[in-house]
Amino acid sequence: MCDGHQTTSGAENNKDIETLRILLAHWIEHNKSHEENFRQWAEKSQKLGKAGVSEMITKAADALKAASDFLLEAKKHI
């Protein structure tokens, strides 16, 4: 009977863990790049008199930072 659990070899598990480690690092760096760009545009939007736009872009940047913090915490548990 199948209990829904898939069995994998130790080598396959090690490969998946290494892939996950690489992905987490990539996602963190990718988010950081976008976050920085968002903050630059939030500042530009503010200077253009678009306070509402600036606020929403800043919130998006903050959300990316929070996502990166969660990813970093996940990476610590690898």
N, C-alpha and C. Protein backbone atom coordinates (compact mmCIF):
# COMPACT_ATOMS: atom_id res chain seq x y z
N MET A 1 0.84 -1.18 0.00
CA MET A 1 0.00 0.00 0.00
C MET A 1 0.89 1.24 0.00
N CYS A 2 0.50 2.25 -0.72
CA CYS A 2 1.26 3.49 -0.81
C CYS A 2 0.78 4.45 0.26
N ASP A 3 1.71 4.94 1.08
CA ASP A 3 1.33 5.87 2.16
C ASP A 3 1.57 7.33 1.78
N GLY A 4 1.88 7.58 0.51
CA GLY A 4 2.08 8.95 0.05
C GLY A 4 3.50 9.45 0.21
N HIS A 5 4.35 8.67 0.82
CA HIS A 5 5.75 9.07 0.99
C HIS A 5 6.59 8.46 -0.11
N GLN A 6 7.39 9.27 -0.70
CA GLN A 6 8.26 8.82 -1.79
C GLN A 6 9.63 8.50 -1.20
N THR A 7 10.18 7.38 -1.58
CA THR A 7 11.50 7.04 -1.10
C THR A 7 12.53 7.49 -2.11
N THR A 8 13.61 8.07 -1.61
CA THR A 8 14.69 8.52 -2.47
C THR A 8 16.00 8.05 -1.87
N SER A 9 17.00 7.97 -2.71
CA SER A 9 18.31 7.53 -2.25
C SER A 9 19.01 8.64 -1.49
N GLY A 10 19.99 8.29 -0.71
CA GLY A 10 20.78 9.28 0.01
C GLY A 10 21.47 10.24 -0.93
N ALA A 11 21.97 9.73 -2.05
CA ALA A 11 22.64 10.60 -3.03
C ALA A 11 21.67 11.59 -3.63
N GLU A 12 20.46 11.13 -3.90
CA GLU A 12 19.44 12.03 -4.46
C GLU A 12 19.05 13.09 -3.42
N ASN A 13 18.93 12.67 -2.18
CA ASN A 13 18.62 13.62 -1.11
C ASN A 13 19.71 14.68 -0.99
N ASN A 14 20.97 14.23 -1.04
CA ASN A 14 22.09 15.17 -0.94
C ASN A 14 22.08 16.16 -2.09
N LYS A 15 21.77 15.68 -3.29
CA LYS A 15 21.70 16.55 -4.47
C LYS A 15 20.59 17.58 -4.31
N ASP A 16 19.43 17.12 -3.83
CA ASP A 16 18.30 18.03 -3.63
C ASP A 16 18.61 19.06 -2.55
N ILE A 17 19.28 18.66 -1.50
CA ILE A 17 19.65 19.61 -0.43
C ILE A 17 20.61 20.65 -0.98
N GLU A 18 21.58 20.22 -1.77
CA GLU A 18 22.54 21.18 -2.36
C GLU A 18 21.83 22.13 -3.32
N THR A 19 20.91 21.60 -4.10
CA THR A 19 20.12 22.44 -5.01
C THR A 19 19.32 23.45 -4.21
N LEU A 20 18.70 23.01 -3.14
CA LEU A 20 17.92 23.91 -2.29
C LEU A 20 18.80 25.00 -1.69
N ARG A 21 19.99 24.64 -1.24
CA ARG A 21 20.95 25.61 -0.69
C ARG A 21 21.28 26.68 -1.74
N ILE A 22 21.54 26.24 -2.96
CA ILE A 22 21.87 27.16 -4.05
C ILE A 22 20.67 28.04 -4.38
N LEU A 23 19.50 27.44 -4.46
CA LEU A 23 18.30 28.22 -4.77
C LEU A 23 18.01 29.27 -3.71
N LEU A 24 18.13 28.90 -2.46
CA LEU A 24 17.88 29.87 -1.39
C LEU A 24 18.83 31.05 -1.49
N ALA A 25 20.10 30.79 -1.72
CA ALA A 25 21.08 31.88 -1.86
C ALA A 25 20.73 32.75 -3.07
N HIS A 26 20.35 32.11 -4.16
CA HIS A 26 19.98 32.85 -5.37
C HIS A 26 18.75 33.72 -5.12
N TRP A 27 17.73 33.15 -4.51
CA TRP A 27 16.50 33.89 -4.25
C TRP A 27 16.74 35.09 -3.33
N ILE A 28 17.58 34.88 -2.31
CA ILE A 28 17.89 35.98 -1.38
C ILE A 28 18.58 37.11 -2.12
N GLU A 29 19.58 36.78 -2.93
CA GLU A 29 20.30 37.81 -3.68
C GLU A 29 19.39 38.48 -4.71
N HIS A 30 18.57 37.70 -5.37
CA HIS A 30 17.64 38.22 -6.37
C HIS A 30 16.66 39.21 -5.71
N ASN A 31 16.12 38.83 -4.58
CA ASN A 31 15.20 39.72 -3.86
C ASN A 31 15.90 41.00 -3.42
N LYS A 32 17.15 40.87 -2.97
CA LYS A 32 17.90 42.04 -2.53
C LYS A 32 18.06 43.04 -3.68
N SER A 33 18.37 42.53 -4.85
CA SER A 33 18.53 43.38 -6.02
C SER A 33 17.23 44.12 -6.33
N HIS A 34 16.12 43.39 -6.33
CA HIS A 34 14.83 44.02 -6.60
C HIS A 34 14.46 45.01 -5.50
N GLU A 35 14.71 44.63 -4.26
CA GLU A 35 14.40 45.52 -3.14
C GLU A 35 15.12 46.85 -3.28
N GLU A 36 16.41 46.80 -3.60
CA GLU A 36 17.19 48.03 -3.77
C GLU A 36 16.62 48.89 -4.90
N ASN A 37 16.26 48.24 -6.00
CA ASN A 37 15.70 48.95 -7.14
C ASN A 37 14.35 49.57 -6.77
N PHE A 38 13.53 48.84 -6.06
CA PHE A 38 12.24 49.37 -5.61
C PHE A 38 12.44 50.61 -4.74
N ARG A 39 13.39 50.55 -3.83
CA ARG A 39 13.62 51.69 -2.92
C ARG A 39 14.10 52.92 -3.70
N GLN A 40 14.92 52.70 -4.72
CA GLN A 40 15.35 53.82 -5.56
C GLN A 40 14.16 54.46 -6.25
N TRP A 41 13.27 53.64 -6.78
CA TRP A 41 12.11 54.17 -7.48
C TRP A 41 11.08 54.75 -6.52
N ALA A 42 11.02 54.25 -5.32
CA ALA A 42 10.14 54.86 -4.32
C ALA A 42 10.60 56.28 -4.04
N GLU A 43 11.93 56.45 -3.91
CA GLU A 43 12.49 57.78 -3.67
C GLU A 43 12.23 58.70 -4.87
N LYS A 44 12.43 58.19 -6.08
CA LYS A 44 12.17 59.00 -7.28
C LYS A 44 10.70 59.37 -7.36
N SER A 45 9.83 58.43 -7.06
CA SER A 45 8.39 58.70 -7.09
C SER A 45 8.02 59.80 -6.11
N GLN A 46 8.63 59.75 -4.94
CA GLN A 46 8.39 60.76 -3.92
C GLN A 46 8.79 62.14 -4.46
N LYS A 47 9.96 62.21 -5.08
CA LYS A 47 10.45 63.47 -5.63
C LYS A 47 9.58 63.97 -6.78
N LEU A 48 8.91 63.06 -7.45
CA LEU A 48 8.02 63.42 -8.55
C LEU A 48 6.62 63.83 -8.06
N GLY A 49 6.47 63.84 -6.74
CA GLY A 49 5.19 64.23 -6.17
C GLY A 49 4.16 63.11 -6.16
N LYS A 50 4.63 61.88 -6.29
CA LYS A 50 3.74 60.72 -6.31
C LYS A 50 3.87 59.95 -5.00
N ALA A 51 3.43 60.59 -3.92
CA ALA A 51 3.58 60.02 -2.58
C ALA A 51 2.89 58.66 -2.45
N GLY A 52 1.71 58.52 -3.04
CA GLY A 52 0.99 57.25 -2.96
C GLY A 52 1.73 56.13 -3.66
N VAL A 53 2.28 56.45 -4.82
CA VAL A 53 3.07 55.47 -5.56
C VAL A 53 4.30 55.09 -4.75
N SER A 54 4.96 56.10 -4.21
CA SER A 54 6.15 55.87 -3.40
C SER A 54 5.85 54.96 -2.21
N GLU A 55 4.73 55.21 -1.57
CA GLU A 55 4.34 54.41 -0.40
C GLU A 55 4.12 52.94 -0.79
N MET A 56 3.44 52.72 -1.91
CA MET A 56 3.17 51.33 -2.34
C MET A 56 4.45 50.62 -2.76
N ILE A 57 5.33 51.33 -3.45
CA ILE A 57 6.61 50.71 -3.84
C ILE A 57 7.44 50.39 -2.60
N THR A 58 7.42 51.28 -1.62
CA THR A 58 8.14 51.03 -0.37
C THR A 58 7.58 49.81 0.33
N LYS A 59 6.26 49.67 0.35
CA LYS A 59 5.64 48.49 0.96
C LYS A 59 6.06 47.22 0.22
N ALA A 60 6.15 47.30 -1.10
CA ALA A 60 6.60 46.14 -1.88
C ALA A 60 8.04 45.80 -1.52
N ALA A 61 8.88 46.83 -1.38
CA ALA A 61 10.29 46.60 -0.98
C ALA A 61 10.36 45.97 0.40
N ASP A 62 9.53 46.45 1.31
CA ASP A 62 9.50 45.89 2.66
C ASP A 62 9.06 44.42 2.63
N ALA A 63 8.10 44.11 1.77
CA ALA A 63 7.64 42.72 1.65
C ALA A 63 8.74 41.82 1.09
N LEU A 64 9.49 42.34 0.13
CA LEU A 64 10.63 41.56 -0.40
C LEU A 64 11.67 41.33 0.69
N LYS A 65 11.93 42.35 1.50
CA LYS A 65 12.88 42.21 2.61
C LYS A 65 12.40 41.13 3.57
N ALA A 66 11.11 41.15 3.89
CA ALA A 66 10.56 40.14 4.79
C ALA A 66 10.69 38.75 4.18
N ALA A 67 10.41 38.62 2.89
CA ALA A 67 10.54 37.33 2.22
C ALA A 67 11.99 36.85 2.28
N SER A 68 12.92 37.76 2.05
CA SER A 68 14.34 37.39 2.11
C SER A 68 14.74 36.97 3.51
N ASP A 69 14.19 37.63 4.52
CA ASP A 69 14.49 37.24 5.90
C ASP A 69 14.01 35.82 6.18
N PHE A 70 12.83 35.45 5.67
CA PHE A 70 12.33 34.09 5.83
C PHE A 70 13.21 33.09 5.09
N LEU A 71 13.63 33.45 3.88
CA LEU A 71 14.50 32.58 3.11
C LEU A 71 15.86 32.39 3.79
N LEU A 72 16.38 33.47 4.37
CA LEU A 72 17.64 33.39 5.08
C LEU A 72 17.51 32.46 6.30
N GLU A 73 16.41 32.59 7.00
CA GLU A 73 16.16 31.71 8.15
C GLU A 73 16.05 30.26 7.69
N ALA A 74 15.39 30.03 6.57
CA ALA A 74 15.30 28.67 6.03
C ALA A 74 16.68 28.12 5.71
N LYS A 75 17.51 28.98 5.12
CA LYS A 75 18.88 28.56 4.74
C LYS A 75 19.69 28.13 5.97
N LYS A 76 19.44 28.76 7.10
CA LYS A 76 20.15 28.41 8.33
C LYS A 76 19.82 26.99 8.80
N HIS A 77 18.67 26.46 8.36
CA HIS A 77 18.22 25.15 8.79
C HIS A 77 18.62 24.04 7.83
N ILE A 78 19.37 24.38 6.80
CA ILE A 78 19.83 23.37 5.83
C ILE A 78 20.96 22.55 6.46
